[in-house]
PDB file of N, CA and C in Angstrom:
ATOM      1  N   MET A   1       1.052  -0.945   0.415  1.00  0.00           N
ATOM      2  CA  MET A   1       0.094  -0.086  -0.440  1.00  0.00           C
ATOM      3  C   MET A   1       0.891   1.747   0.253  1.00  0.00           C
ATOM      4  N   THR A   2       0.797   2.333  -0.843  1.00  0.00           N
ATOM      5  CA  THR A   2       0.940   3.698  -0.166  1.00  0.00           C
ATOM      6  C   THR A   2       0.372   4.332   0.537  1.00  0.00           C
ATOM      7  N   SER A   3       1.383   5.888   0.921  1.00  0.00           N
ATOM      8  CA  SER A   3       0.515   6.519   1.921  1.00  0.00           C
ATOM      9  C   SER A   3       0.059   7.759   0.629  1.00  0.00           C
ATOM     10  N   GLY A   4      -1.119   7.768   1.547  1.00  0.00           N
ATOM     11  CA  GLY A   4      -1.927   9.214   1.466  1.00  0.00           C
ATOM     12  C   GLY A   4      -3.014   8.436   0.556  1.00  0.00           C
ATOM     13  N   VAL A   5      -3.725   6.797   0.112  1.00  0.00           N
ATOM     14  CA  VAL A   5      -4.167   6.681  -1.125  1.00  0.00           C
ATOM     15  C   VAL A   5      -5.658   6.052  -0.826  1.00  0.00           C
ATOM     16  N   LYS A   6      -6.504   6.629  -1.335  1.00  0.00           N
ATOM     17  CA  LYS A   6      -7.942   5.672  -0.943  1.00  0.00           C
ATOM     18  C   LYS A   6      -7.690   4.694  -1.170  1.00  0.00           C
ATOM     19  N   TYR A   7      -8.208   3.502  -1.094  1.00  0.00           N
ATOM     20  CA  TYR A   7      -8.256   2.071  -0.982  1.00  0.00           C
ATOM     21  C   TYR A   7      -9.410   1.514  -0.857  1.00  0.00           C
ATOM     22  N   TYR A   8     -10.433   0.983  -0.992  1.00  0.00           N
ATOM     23  CA  TYR A   8     -11.353   0.110  -0.963  1.00  0.00           C
ATOM     24  C   TYR A   8     -12.024  -1.117  -1.503  1.00  0.00           C
ATOM     25  N   PHE A   9     -12.616  -1.860  -0.471  1.00  0.00           N
ATOM     26  CA  PHE A   9     -12.631  -2.672  -0.013  1.00  0.00           C
ATOM     27  C   PHE A   9     -14.065  -3.472  -0.494  1.00  0.00           C
ATOM     28  N   ALA A  10     -13.644  -5.417  -0.667  1.00  0.00           N
ATOM     29  CA  ALA A  10     -15.308  -6.281  -0.471  1.00  0.00           C
ATOM     30  C   ALA A  10     -14.976  -7.076  -0.134  1.00  0.00           C
ATOM     31  N   ILE A  11     -16.033  -7.491   0.665  1.00  0.00           N
ATOM     32  CA  ILE A  11     -15.131  -9.109   1.273  1.00  0.00           C
ATOM     33  C   ILE A  11     -16.150  -9.885   1.011  1.00  0.00           C
ATOM     34  N   PHE A  12     -15.969 -10.746   0.512  1.00  0.00           N
ATOM     35  CA  PHE A  12     -17.211 -12.371  -0.273  1.00  0.00           C
ATOM     36  C   PHE A  12     -16.558 -13.513   0.584  1.00  0.00           C
ATOM     37  N   GLU A  13     -17.735 -14.178   1.902  1.00  0.00           N
ATOM     38  CA  GLU A  13     -18.296 -15.035   2.231  1.00  0.00           C
ATOM     39  C   GLU A  13     -18.241 -16.440   0.872  1.00  0.00           C
ATOM     40  N   PHE A  14     -17.953 -17.827   1.120  1.00  0.00           N
ATOM     41  CA  PHE A  14     -17.458 -18.457  -0.172  1.00  0.00           C
ATOM     42  C   PHE A  14     -17.061 -19.935   0.992  1.00  0.00           C
ATOM     43  N   ASP A  15     -17.881 -21.345   0.153  1.00  0.00           N
ATOM     44  CA  ASP A  15     -17.489 -22.481   1.396  1.00  0.00           C
ATOM     45  C   ASP A  15     -17.151 -23.517  -0.861  1.00  0.00           C
ATOM     46  N   GLY A  16     -16.565 -24.542  -0.140  1.00  0.00           N
ATOM     47  CA  GLY A  16     -15.946 -25.166  -1.327  1.00  0.00           C
ATOM     48  C   GLY A  16     -14.493 -24.895  -1.419  1.00  0.00           C
ATOM     49  N   VAL A  17     -13.923 -25.697  -2.004  1.00  0.00           N
ATOM     50  CA  VAL A  17     -12.546 -25.808  -3.040  1.00  0.00           C
ATOM     51  C   VAL A  17     -12.328 -25.895  -4.062  1.00  0.00           C
ATOM     52  N   GLY A  18     -11.187 -25.144  -4.789  1.00  0.00           N
ATOM     53  CA  GLY A  18     -10.844 -25.485  -6.439  1.00  0.00           C
ATOM     54  C   GLY A  18     -12.453 -25.066  -7.042  1.00  0.00           C
ATOM     55  N   THR A  19     -12.820 -25.419  -8.051  1.00  0.00           N
ATOM     56  CA  THR A  19     -13.504 -25.304  -9.084  1.00  0.00           C
ATOM     57  C   THR A  19     -15.613 -25.713  -7.920  1.00  0.00           C
ATOM     58  N   SER A  20     -14.869 -26.219  -7.128  1.00  0.00           N
ATOM     59  CA  SER A  20     -16.444 -26.032  -6.289  1.00  0.00           C
ATOM     60  C   SER A  20     -16.665 -24.924  -5.173  1.00  0.00           C
ATOM     61  N   THR A  21     -15.932 -24.135  -5.631  1.00  0.00           N
ATOM     62  CA  THR A  21     -16.106 -23.125  -4.679  1.00  0.00           C
ATOM     63  C   THR A  21     -17.264 -22.265  -5.535  1.00  0.00           C
ATOM     64  N   GLU A  22     -18.096 -21.859  -4.405  1.00  0.00           N
ATOM     65  CA  GLU A  22     -19.192 -20.817  -4.425  1.00  0.00           C
ATOM     66  C   GLU A  22     -19.191 -19.663  -3.633  1.00  0.00           C
ATOM     67  N   TYR A  23     -19.272 -18.882  -4.553  1.00  0.00           N
ATOM     68  CA  TYR A  23     -19.361 -17.515  -3.465  1.00  0.00           C
ATOM     69  C   TYR A  23     -21.179 -16.725  -2.891  1.00  0.00           C
ATOM     70  N   LEU A  24     -21.236 -15.905  -2.199  1.00  0.00           N
ATOM     71  CA  LEU A  24     -22.214 -15.743  -2.084  1.00  0.00           C
ATOM     72  C   LEU A  24     -22.612 -13.895  -2.220  1.00  0.00           C
ATOM     73  N   THR A  25     -22.495 -13.478  -3.445  1.00  0.00           N
ATOM     74  CA  THR A  25     -22.519 -12.108  -4.578  1.00  0.00           C
ATOM     75  C   THR A  25     -23.530 -11.347  -3.970  1.00  0.00           C
ATOM     76  N   THR A  26     -24.368 -11.570  -2.943  1.00  0.00           N
ATOM     77  CA  THR A  26     -25.935 -10.907  -3.122  1.00  0.00           C
ATOM     78  C   THR A  26     -25.695 -10.271  -1.434  1.00  0.00           C
ATOM     79  N   VAL A  27     -24.960 -10.846  -0.924  1.00  0.00           N
ATOM     80  CA  VAL A  27     -24.695  -9.848   0.290  1.00  0.00           C
ATOM     81  C   VAL A  27     -23.447  -9.990   0.310  1.00  0.00           C
ATOM     82  N   PHE A  28     -23.195  -8.916   0.632  1.00  0.00           N
ATOM     83  CA  PHE A  28     -21.229  -8.587   1.334  1.00  0.00           C
ATOM     84  C   PHE A  28     -20.813  -7.546   1.922  1.00  0.00           C
ATOM     85  N   LEU A  29     -19.765  -7.308   1.633  1.00  0.00           N
ATOM     86  CA  LEU A  29     -19.632  -5.774   3.198  1.00  0.00           C
ATOM     87  C   LEU A  29     -18.004  -5.119   2.171  1.00  0.00           C
ATOM     88  N   THR A  30     -18.465  -3.746   2.140  1.00  0.00           N
ATOM     89  CA  THR A  30     -17.774  -2.996   1.503  1.00  0.00           C
ATOM     90  C   THR A  30     -17.675  -2.245   2.544  1.00  0.00           C
ATOM     91  N   GLY A  31     -15.972  -1.119   2.231  1.00  0.00           N
ATOM     92  CA  GLY A  31     -15.742  -0.044   3.446  1.00  0.00           C
ATOM     93  C   GLY A  31     -14.781   0.318   1.994  1.00  0.00           C
ATOM     94  N   GLU A  32     -13.658   1.394   2.630  1.00  0.00           N
ATOM     95  CA  GLU A  32     -12.931   2.309   1.967  1.00  0.00           C
ATOM     96  C   GLU A  32     -12.911   3.141   2.883  1.00  0.00           C
ATOM     97  N   ASN A  33     -10.776   3.172   3.334  1.00  0.00           N
ATOM     98  CA  ASN A  33      -9.756   4.155   4.462  1.00  0.00           C
ATOM     99  C   ASN A  33      -8.750   4.752   2.997  1.00  0.00           C
ATOM    100  N   THR A  34      -8.277   5.852   4.395  1.00  0.00           N
ATOM    101  CA  THR A  34      -7.239   5.791   3.000  1.00  0.00           C
ATOM    102  C   THR A  34      -6.499   5.550   4.187  1.00  0.00           C
ATOM    103  N   THR A  35      -5.237   5.537   4.075  1.00  0.00           N
ATOM    104  CA  THR A  35      -4.541   5.809   3.793  1.00  0.00           C
ATOM    105  C   THR A  35      -3.449   6.709   5.066  1.00  0.00           C
ATOM    106  N   VAL A  36      -2.368   6.310   5.651  1.00  0.00           N
ATOM    107  CA  VAL A  36      -1.940   7.674   6.537  1.00  0.00           C
ATOM    108  C   VAL A  36      -0.933   8.339   5.345  1.00  0.00           C
ATOM    109  N   ALA A  37      -0.768   9.835   5.018  1.00  0.00           N
ATOM    110  CA  ALA A  37      -0.189  10.352   3.971  1.00  0.00           C
ATOM    111  C   ALA A  37       1.302  11.216   5.125  1.00  0.00           C
ATOM    112  N   SER A  38       2.298  11.024   4.588  1.00  0.00           N
ATOM    113  CA  SER A  38       3.415  11.535   5.219  1.00  0.00           C
ATOM    114  C   SER A  38       3.390  12.883   5.368  1.00  0.00           C
ATOM    115  N   PRO A  39       3.922  13.587   6.473  1.00  0.00           N
ATOM    116  CA  PRO A  39       3.773  15.253   6.939  1.00  0.00           C
ATOM    117  C   PRO A  39       4.593  15.969   5.449  1.00  0.00           C
ATOM    118  N   THR A  40       4.151  16.880   5.091  1.00  0.00           N
ATOM    119  CA  THR A  40       4.891  18.083   4.139  1.00  0.00           C
ATOM    120  C   THR A  40       5.715  18.754   4.644  1.00  0.00           C
ATOM    121  N   GLN A  41       5.157  19.705   6.102  1.00  0.00           N
ATOM    122  CA  GLN A  41       5.674  20.331   6.270  1.00  0.00           C
ATOM    123  C   GLN A  41       6.609  20.042   7.332  1.00  0.00           C
ATOM    124  N   GLN A  42       7.829  20.643   7.478  1.00  0.00           N
ATOM    125  CA  GLN A  42       8.374  21.013   8.832  1.00  0.00           C
ATOM    126  C   GLN A  42       8.541  21.264   9.601  1.00  0.00           C
ATOM    127  N   ILE A  43       8.988  21.493  10.719  1.00  0.00           N
ATOM    128  CA  ILE A  43       9.092  21.704  12.190  1.00  0.00           C
ATOM    129  C   ILE A  43       9.830  22.748  11.719  1.00  0.00           C
ATOM    130  N   ALA A  44      10.185  24.535  11.943  1.00  0.00           N
ATOM    131  CA  ALA A  44      11.104  25.572  11.516  1.00  0.00           C
ATOM    132  C   ALA A  44      11.703  25.688  12.910  1.00  0.00           C
ATOM    133  N   ASN A  45      12.426  26.860  13.165  1.00  0.00           N
ATOM    134  CA  ASN A  45      12.430  27.878  14.780  1.00  0.00           C
ATOM    135  C   ASN A  45      12.660  26.751  15.808  1.00  0.00           C
ATOM    136  N   LEU A  46      13.756  26.155  15.827  1.00  0.00           N
ATOM    137  CA  LEU A  46      14.414  25.262  16.984  1.00  0.00           C
ATOM    138  C   LEU A  46      14.897  26.274  17.598  1.00  0.00           C
ATOM    139  N   ALA A  47      15.403  25.982  19.301  1.00  0.00           N
ATOM    140  CA  ALA A  47      15.111  27.009  20.159  1.00  0.00           C
ATOM    141  C   ALA A  47      15.469  26.049  20.978  1.00  0.00           C
ATOM    142  N   ALA A  48      16.860  26.550  22.409  1.00  0.00           N
ATOM    143  CA  ALA A  48      16.911  25.817  22.770  1.00  0.00           C
ATOM    144  C   ALA A  48      17.374  26.985  24.413  1.00  0.00           C
ATOM    145  N   SER A  49      16.629  26.677  25.735  1.00  0.00           N
ATOM    146  CA  SER A  49      16.715  27.683  25.966  1.00  0.00           C
ATOM    147  C   SER A  49      16.536  26.557  27.725  1.00  0.00           C
ATOM    148  N   ASN A  50      17.446  27.403  28.704  1.00  0.00           N
ATOM    149  CA  ASN A  50      17.327  26.723  30.190  1.00  0.00           C
ATOM    150  C   ASN A  50      18.504  25.632  30.019  1.00  0.00           C
ATOM    151  N   ILE A  51      19.024  26.541  29.941  1.00  0.00           N
ATOM    152  CA  ILE A  51      20.601  25.225  29.700  1.00  0.00           C
ATOM    153  C   ILE A  51      21.612  25.004  30.169  1.00  0.00           C
ATOM    154  N   THR A  52      22.438  23.866  31.179  1.00  0.00           N
ATOM    155  CA  THR A  52      22.489  23.851  32.027  1.00  0.00           C
ATOM    156  C   THR A  52      23.942  22.496  31.774  1.00  0.00           C
ATOM    157  N   GLY A  53      24.609  22.279  33.088  1.00  0.00           N
ATOM    158  CA  GLY A  53      25.369  21.731  32.339  1.00  0.00           C
ATOM    159  C   GLY A  53      25.180  20.039  32.214  1.00  0.00           C
ATOM    160  N   HIS A  54      23.959  19.750  32.512  1.00  0.00           N
ATOM    161  CA  HIS A  54      23.326  18.663  31.933  1.00  0.00           C
ATOM    162  C   HIS A  54      21.892  18.371  31.574  1.00  0.00           C
ATOM    163  N   SER A  55      21.505  19.448  31.245  1.00  0.00           N
ATOM    164  CA  SER A  55      20.213  19.681  30.653  1.00  0.00           C
ATOM    165  C   SER A  55      19.419  20.678  29.621  1.00  0.00           C
ATOM    166  N   ALA A  56      18.883  21.240  29.227  1.00  0.00           N
ATOM    167  CA  ALA A  56      18.371  21.893  28.441  1.00  0.00           C
ATOM    168  C   ALA A  56      17.023  21.602  27.734  1.00  0.00           C
ATOM    169  N   ARG A  57      16.131  22.835  27.379  1.00  0.00           N
ATOM    170  CA  ARG A  57      14.825  23.073  27.085  1.00  0.00           C
ATOM    171  C   ARG A  57      14.458  23.290  25.444  1.00  0.00           C
ATOM    172  N   LEU A  58      14.210  22.014  24.635  1.00  0.00           N
ATOM    173  CA  LEU A  58      14.087  22.800  23.027  1.00  0.00           C
ATOM    174  C   LEU A  58      12.630  23.050  23.067  1.00  0.00           C
ATOM    175  N   THR A  59      12.089  23.920  22.005  1.00  0.00           N
ATOM    176  CA  THR A  59      10.875  23.956  21.884  1.00  0.00           C
ATOM    177  C   THR A  59      11.123  24.411  20.017  1.00  0.00           C
ATOM    178  N   TRP A  60      10.206  24.605  18.984  1.00  0.00           N
ATOM    179  CA  TRP A  60       9.914  24.844  18.142  1.00  0.00           C
ATOM    180  C   TRP A  60       8.367  24.469  17.676  1.00  0.00           C
ATOM    181  N   THR A  61       8.487  25.652  16.161  1.00  0.00           N
ATOM    182  CA  THR A  61       6.706  25.516  15.953  1.00  0.00           C
ATOM    183  C   THR A  61       6.908  24.278  15.149  1.00  0.00           C
ATOM    184  N   ALA A  62       5.902  23.703  15.476  1.00  0.00           N
ATOM    185  CA  ALA A  62       4.997  22.016  15.049  1.00  0.00           C
ATOM    186  C   ALA A  62       4.323  22.315  13.017  1.00  0.00           C
ATOM    187  N   GLY A  63       5.361  21.482  12.506  1.00  0.00           N
ATOM    188  CA  GLY A  63       4.634  20.780  10.895  1.00  0.00           C
ATOM    189  C   GLY A  63       3.326  20.562  10.840  1.00  0.00           C
ATOM    190  N   ASN A  64       3.247  20.215  10.157  1.00  0.00           N
ATOM    191  CA  ASN A  64       1.771  19.583   9.996  1.00  0.00           C
ATOM    192  C   ASN A  64       1.682  18.224  10.495  1.00  0.00           C
ATOM    193  N   GLY A  65       2.352  17.086  10.789  1.00  0.00           N
ATOM    194  CA  GLY A  65       2.826  16.171  11.280  1.00  0.00           C
ATOM    195  C   GLY A  65       1.804  15.594  12.899  1.00  0.00           C
ATOM    196  N   TYR A  66       2.187  14.780  13.286  1.00  0.00           N
ATOM    197  CA  TYR A  66       0.780  14.265  14.448  1.00  0.00           C
ATOM    198  C   TYR A  66       1.945  14.008  15.353  1.00  0.00           C
ATOM    199  N   ALA A  67       2.692  13.736  15.449  1.00  0.00           N
ATOM    200  CA  ALA A  67       4.038  13.723  16.105  1.00  0.00           C
ATOM    201  C   ALA A  67       5.722  14.417  15.655  1.00  0.00           C
ATOM    202  N   HIS A  68       6.383  14.523  17.057  1.00  0.00           N
ATOM    203  CA  HIS A  68       7.727  14.741  16.340  1.00  0.00           C
ATOM    204  C   HIS A  68       8.495  14.053  16.639  1.00  0.00           C
ATOM    205  N   PHE A  69       9.850  13.879  16.294  1.00  0.00           N
ATOM    206  CA  PHE A  69      10.423  13.201  16.331  1.00  0.00           C
ATOM    207  C   PHE A  69      11.834  13.593  17.182  1.00  0.00           C
ATOM    208  N   VAL A  70      12.885  13.473  17.520  1.00  0.00           N
ATOM    209  CA  VAL A  70      13.718  14.583  17.608  1.00  0.00           C
ATOM    210  C   VAL A  70      15.197  13.287  18.666  1.00  0.00           C
ATOM    211  N   VAL A  71      16.097  14.110  17.248  1.00  0.00           N
ATOM    212  CA  VAL A  71      17.595  12.792  17.316  1.00  0.00           C
ATOM    213  C   VAL A  71      18.475  14.110  17.821  1.00  0.00           C
ATOM    214  N   ALA A  72      18.732  13.104  18.775  1.00  0.00           N
ATOM    215  CA  ALA A  72      20.163  13.918  19.734  1.00  0.00           C
ATOM    216  C   ALA A  72      20.947  13.516  19.296  1.00  0.00           C
ATOM    217  N   ARG A  73      22.365  13.914  19.497  1.00  0.00           N
ATOM    218  CA  ARG A  73      23.230  13.271  19.422  1.00  0.00           C
ATOM    219  C   ARG A  73      25.151  13.946  19.454  1.00  0.00           C
ATOM    220  N   GLU A  74      25.444  12.809  20.432  1.00  0.00           N
ATOM    221  CA  GLU A  74      26.971  13.670  21.261  1.00  0.00           C
ATOM    222  C   GLU A  74      28.347  13.940  20.384  1.00  0.00           C
ATOM    223  N   ASP A  75      28.969  15.147  20.236  1.00  0.00           N
ATOM    224  CA  ASP A  75      29.687  15.832  19.697  1.00  0.00           C
ATOM    225  C   ASP A  75      29.868  15.312  17.508  1.00  0.00           C
ATOM    226  N   GLY A  76      27.725  15.670  17.164  1.00  0.00           N
ATOM    227  CA  GLY A  76      28.384  15.926  15.807  1.00  0.00           C
ATOM    228  C   GLY A  76      27.007  15.956  15.405  1.00  0.00           C
ATOM    229  N   SER A  77      25.943  15.676  14.452  1.00  0.00           N
ATOM    230  CA  SER A  77      24.695  16.047  13.596  1.00  0.00           C
ATOM    231  C   SER A  77      24.026  14.439  13.568  1.00  0.00           C
ATOM    232  N   PRO A  78      23.817  14.147  13.484  1.00  0.00           N
ATOM    233  CA  PRO A  78      23.350  13.031  13.841  1.00  0.00           C
ATOM    234  C   PRO A  78      23.275  12.925  12.025  1.00  0.00           C
ATOM    235  N   LEU A  79      23.912  10.715  12.462  1.00  0.00           N
ATOM    236  CA  LEU A  79      24.181  10.751  11.212  1.00  0.00           C
ATOM    237  C   LEU A  79      23.157  10.215  10.156  1.00  0.00           C
ATOM    238  N   THR A  80      21.852   9.603  10.449  1.00  0.00           N
ATOM    239  CA  THR A  80      20.400   9.040   9.846  1.00  0.00           C
ATOM    240  C   THR A  80      18.816   9.716  10.287  1.00  0.00           C
ATOM    241  N   ASP A  81      18.657   9.674   9.410  1.00  0.00           N
ATOM    242  CA  ASP A  81      17.072   9.726  10.130  1.00  0.00           C
ATOM    243  C   ASP A  81      16.269   8.417  10.161  1.00  0.00           C
ATOM    244  N   PRO A  82      14.875   9.169  10.889  1.00  0.00           N
ATOM    245  CA  PRO A  82      14.229   7.921  11.323  1.00  0.00           C
ATOM    246  C   PRO A  82      13.798   6.501  10.085  1.00  0.00           C
ATOM    247  N   ALA A  83      13.690   5.715  10.162  1.00  0.00           N
ATOM    248  CA  ALA A  83      13.144   4.619   9.004  1.00  0.00           C
ATOM    249  C   ALA A  83      11.329   4.993   9.736  1.00  0.00           C
ATOM    250  N   ASP A  84      11.340   4.770   8.700  1.00  0.00           N
ATOM    251  CA  ASP A  84       8.873   4.340   7.924  1.00  0.00           C
ATOM    252  C   ASP A  84       9.163   3.177   8.600  1.00  0.00           C
ATOM    253  N   PHE A  85       7.650   2.932   9.633  1.00  0.00           N
ATOM    254  CA  PHE A  85       6.708   2.565   9.618  1.00  0.00           C
ATOM    255  C   PHE A  85       8.478   1.306  10.638  1.00  0.00           C
ATOM    256  N   THR A  86       8.688   2.204  11.987  1.00  0.00           N
ATOM    257  CA  THR A  86       9.345   2.101  12.685  1.00  0.00           C
ATOM    258  C   THR A  86       9.043   2.435  13.543  1.00  0.00           C
ATOM    259  N   THR A  87       9.510   1.406  15.236  1.00  0.00           N
ATOM    260  CA  THR A  87       9.113   2.735  16.528  1.00  0.00           C
ATOM    261  C   THR A  87      10.586   2.310  16.841  1.00  0.00           C
ATOM    262  N   TYR A  88      10.347   4.032  18.064  1.00  0.00           N
ATOM    263  CA  TYR A  88      12.192   3.978  18.630  1.00  0.00           C
ATOM    264  C   TYR A  88      10.943   4.021  19.826  1.00  0.00           C
ATOM    265  N   SER A  89      11.824   3.437  21.177  1.00  0.00           N
ATOM    266  CA  SER A  89      11.322   3.750  22.369  1.00  0.00           C
ATOM    267  C   SER A  89      11.406   5.150  22.405  1.00  0.00           C
ATOM    268  N   ALA A  90      11.029   5.952  23.058  1.00  0.00           N
ATOM    269  CA  ALA A  90      11.387   7.524  24.050  1.00  0.00           C
ATOM    270  C   ALA A  90      11.594   7.927  24.875  1.00  0.00           C
ATOM    271  N   ASN A  91      12.684   9.044  25.305  1.00  0.00           N
ATOM    272  CA  ASN A  91      13.275   8.319  26.706  1.00  0.00           C
ATOM    273  C   ASN A  91      13.971  10.453  26.452  1.00  0.00           C
ATOM    274  N   THR A  92      13.761  11.130  27.745  1.00  0.00           N
ATOM    275  CA  THR A  92      13.588  12.743  28.149  1.00  0.00           C
ATOM    276  C   THR A  92      15.033  11.952  28.534  1.00  0.00           C
ATOM    277  N   VAL A  93      16.394  11.051  28.626  1.00  0.00           N
ATOM    278  CA  VAL A  93      17.065  10.934  29.475  1.00  0.00           C
ATOM    279  C   VAL A  93      18.481  10.538  28.173  1.00  0.00           C
ATOM    280  N   PHE A  94      18.874  11.159  28.327  1.00  0.00           N
ATOM    281  CA  PHE A  94      20.071  11.285  26.685  1.00  0.00           C
ATOM    282  C   PHE A  94      20.716  10.060  26.709  1.00  0.00           C
ATOM    283  N   GLY A  95      20.811   9.449  25.830  1.00  0.00           N
ATOM    284  CA  GLY A  95      21.168   7.772  25.911  1.00  0.00           C
ATOM    285  C   GLY A  95      20.675   7.416  26.521  1.00  0.00           C
ATOM    286  N   ALA A  96      18.689   6.507  27.000  1.00  0.00           N
ATOM    287  CA  ALA A  96      18.000   5.530  26.827  1.00  0.00           C
ATOM    288  C   ALA A  96      17.276   5.402  26.169  1.00  0.00           C
ATOM    289  N   GLY A  97      17.041   6.558  25.322  1.00  0.00           N
ATOM    290  CA  GLY A  97      15.953   5.101  23.899  1.00  0.00           C
ATOM    291  C   GLY A  97      16.894   4.909  23.100  1.00  0.00           C
ATOM    292  N   THR A  98      16.163   4.109  22.545  1.00  0.00           N
ATOM    293  CA  THR A  98      16.253   3.481  20.463  1.00  0.00           C
ATOM    294  C   THR A  98      18.301   3.952  20.438  1.00  0.00           C
ATOM    295  N   LYS A  99      18.697   3.318  20.249  1.00  0.00           N
ATOM    296  CA  LYS A  99      20.020   3.174  19.624  1.00  0.00           C
ATOM    297  C   LYS A  99      21.087   3.244  18.728  1.00  0.00           C
ATOM    298  N   SER A 100      21.011   4.401  17.945  1.00  0.00           N
ATOM    299  CA  SER A 100      21.331   3.258  16.448  1.00  0.00           C
ATOM    300  C   SER A 100      23.289   4.105  15.814  1.00  0.00           C
ATOM    301  N   ALA A 101      23.243   4.697  15.042  1.00  0.00           N
ATOM    302  CA  ALA A 101      24.764   5.661  15.424  1.00  0.00           C
ATOM    303  C   ALA A 101      24.267   7.400  16.214  1.00  0.00           C
ATOM    304  N   GLN A 102      23.180   7.113  16.532  1.00  0.00           N
ATOM    305  CA  GLN A 102      23.254   8.130  17.522  1.00  0.00           C
ATOM    306  C   GLN A 102      21.362   7.841  18.864  1.00  0.00           C
ATOM    307  N   GLU A 103      22.110   8.585  19.475  1.00  0.00           N
ATOM    308  CA  GLU A 103      20.649   8.478  20.246  1.00  0.00           C
ATOM    309  C   GLU A 103      19.394   8.827  20.595  1.00  0.00           C
ATOM    310  N   THR A 104      18.476   8.249  20.397  1.00  0.00           N
ATOM    311  CA  THR A 104      16.955   8.929  20.114  1.00  0.00           C
ATOM    312  C   THR A 104      16.281   9.076  21.051  1.00  0.00           C
ATOM    313  N   ILE A 105      15.452  10.172  20.959  1.00  0.00           N
ATOM    314  CA  ILE A 105      14.717  10.692  21.748  1.00  0.00           C
ATOM    315  C   ILE A 105      13.177  11.461  21.051  1.00  0.00           C
ATOM    316  N   ARG A 106      12.068  11.088  21.958  1.00  0.00           N
ATOM    317  CA  ARG A 106      10.393  10.983  21.257  1.00  0.00           C
ATOM    318  C   ARG A 106       9.800  11.863  21.955  1.00  0.00           C
ATOM    319  N   SER A 107       9.182  13.018  20.861  1.00  0.00           N
ATOM    320  CA  SER A 107       8.008  13.913  21.996  1.00  0.00           C
ATOM    321  C   SER A 107       6.641  13.236  21.265  1.00  0.00           C
ATOM    322  N   THR A 108       6.073  13.636  21.585  1.00  0.00           N
ATOM    323  CA  THR A 108       4.453  13.115  21.161  1.00  0.00           C
ATOM    324  C   THR A 108       3.491  13.937  20.535  1.00  0.00           C
ATOM    325  N   THR A 109       3.309  14.480  20.990  1.00  0.00           N
ATOM    326  CA  THR A 109       2.415  16.207  19.972  1.00  0.00           C
ATOM    327  C   THR A 109       3.717  17.307  20.329  1.00  0.00           C
ATOM    328  N   GLY A 110       2.530  18.769  20.674  1.00  0.00           N
ATOM    329  CA  GLY A 110       2.746  20.482  20.552  1.00  0.00           C
ATOM    330  C   GLY A 110       4.149  21.052  20.174  1.00  0.00           C
ATOM    331  N   SER A 111       4.571  21.426  20.575  1.00  0.00           N
ATOM    332  CA  SER A 111       5.976  22.272  20.286  1.00  0.00           C
ATOM    333  C   SER A 111       7.078  22.628  20.780  1.00  0.00           C
ATOM    334  N   GLU A 112       6.799  21.137  21.710  1.00  0.00           N
ATOM    335  CA  GLU A 112       8.435  21.042  22.661  1.00  0.00           C
ATOM    336  C   GLU A 112       8.060  19.936  23.798  1.00  0.00           C
ATOM    337  N   MET A 113       9.588  19.824  24.475  1.00  0.00           N
ATOM    338  CA  MET A 113       9.920  18.202  24.764  1.00  0.00           C
ATOM    339  C   MET A 113       8.461  17.779  26.529  1.00  0.00           C
ATOM    340  N   PRO A 114       8.041  17.268  26.341  1.00  0.00           N
ATOM    341  CA  PRO A 114       7.227  17.305  27.320  1.00  0.00           C
ATOM    342  C   PRO A 114       7.841  17.465  29.181  1.00  0.00           C
ATOM    343  N   LYS A 115       9.647  17.499  28.778  1.00  0.00           N
ATOM    344  CA  LYS A 115       9.979  17.533  30.220  1.00  0.00           C
ATOM    345  C   LYS A 115      11.986  17.860  29.176  1.00  0.00           C
ATOM    346  N   PRO A 116      12.443  18.811  29.722  1.00  0.00           N
ATOM    347  CA  PRO A 116      14.010  18.477  28.911  1.00  0.00           C
ATOM    348  C   PRO A 116      14.646  17.767  28.894  1.00  0.00           C
ATOM    349  N   ILE A 117      15.921  17.379  28.037  1.00  0.00           N
ATOM    350  CA  ILE A 117      16.519  16.735  27.487  1.00  0.00           C
ATOM    351  C   ILE A 117      17.291  16.352  28.820  1.00  0.00           C
ATOM    352  N   SER A 118      17.973  15.365  29.256  1.00  0.00           N
ATOM    353  CA  SER A 118      18.580  15.350  30.876  1.00  0.00           C
ATOM    354  C   SER A 118      19.670  14.247  30.392  1.00  0.00           C
ATOM    355  N   SER A 119      20.472  14.799  30.842  1.00  0.00           N
ATOM    356  CA  SER A 119      22.689  12.829  30.837  1.00  0.00           C
ATOM    357  C   SER A 119      21.564  13.048  32.190  1.00  0.00           C
ATOM    358  N   ASP A 120      20.978  12.902  33.070  1.00  0.00           N
ATOM    359  CA  ASP A 120      20.700  11.550  34.261  1.00  0.00           C
ATOM    360  C   ASP A 120      18.995  12.377  33.842  1.00  0.00           C
TER     361      ASP A 120
END
């Protein structure tokens, strides 16, 4: 399936196997739904405040996605993008979320981390 596309369904009952199969076509179930589309507007205006020796508060202007995914890496820019259809564990403690080439932290909704990112 492709994201952002409407799909239509029809579901039929049947009995039998092979050339002996008979379908109930007078009454059947139909439905339609659209798959989730990718966001088209990225977040903007990233700012860090309340910076201490072991924490910082991040805020931003939200894009048009349902949620926001924050990737943090020590000593450099993040090396990879998040992969579609992948679940990452979230944590505001740096290093406690899902790890790949960098540490990851995820905020669910809104325009800021629910609490500051910290090292403890």
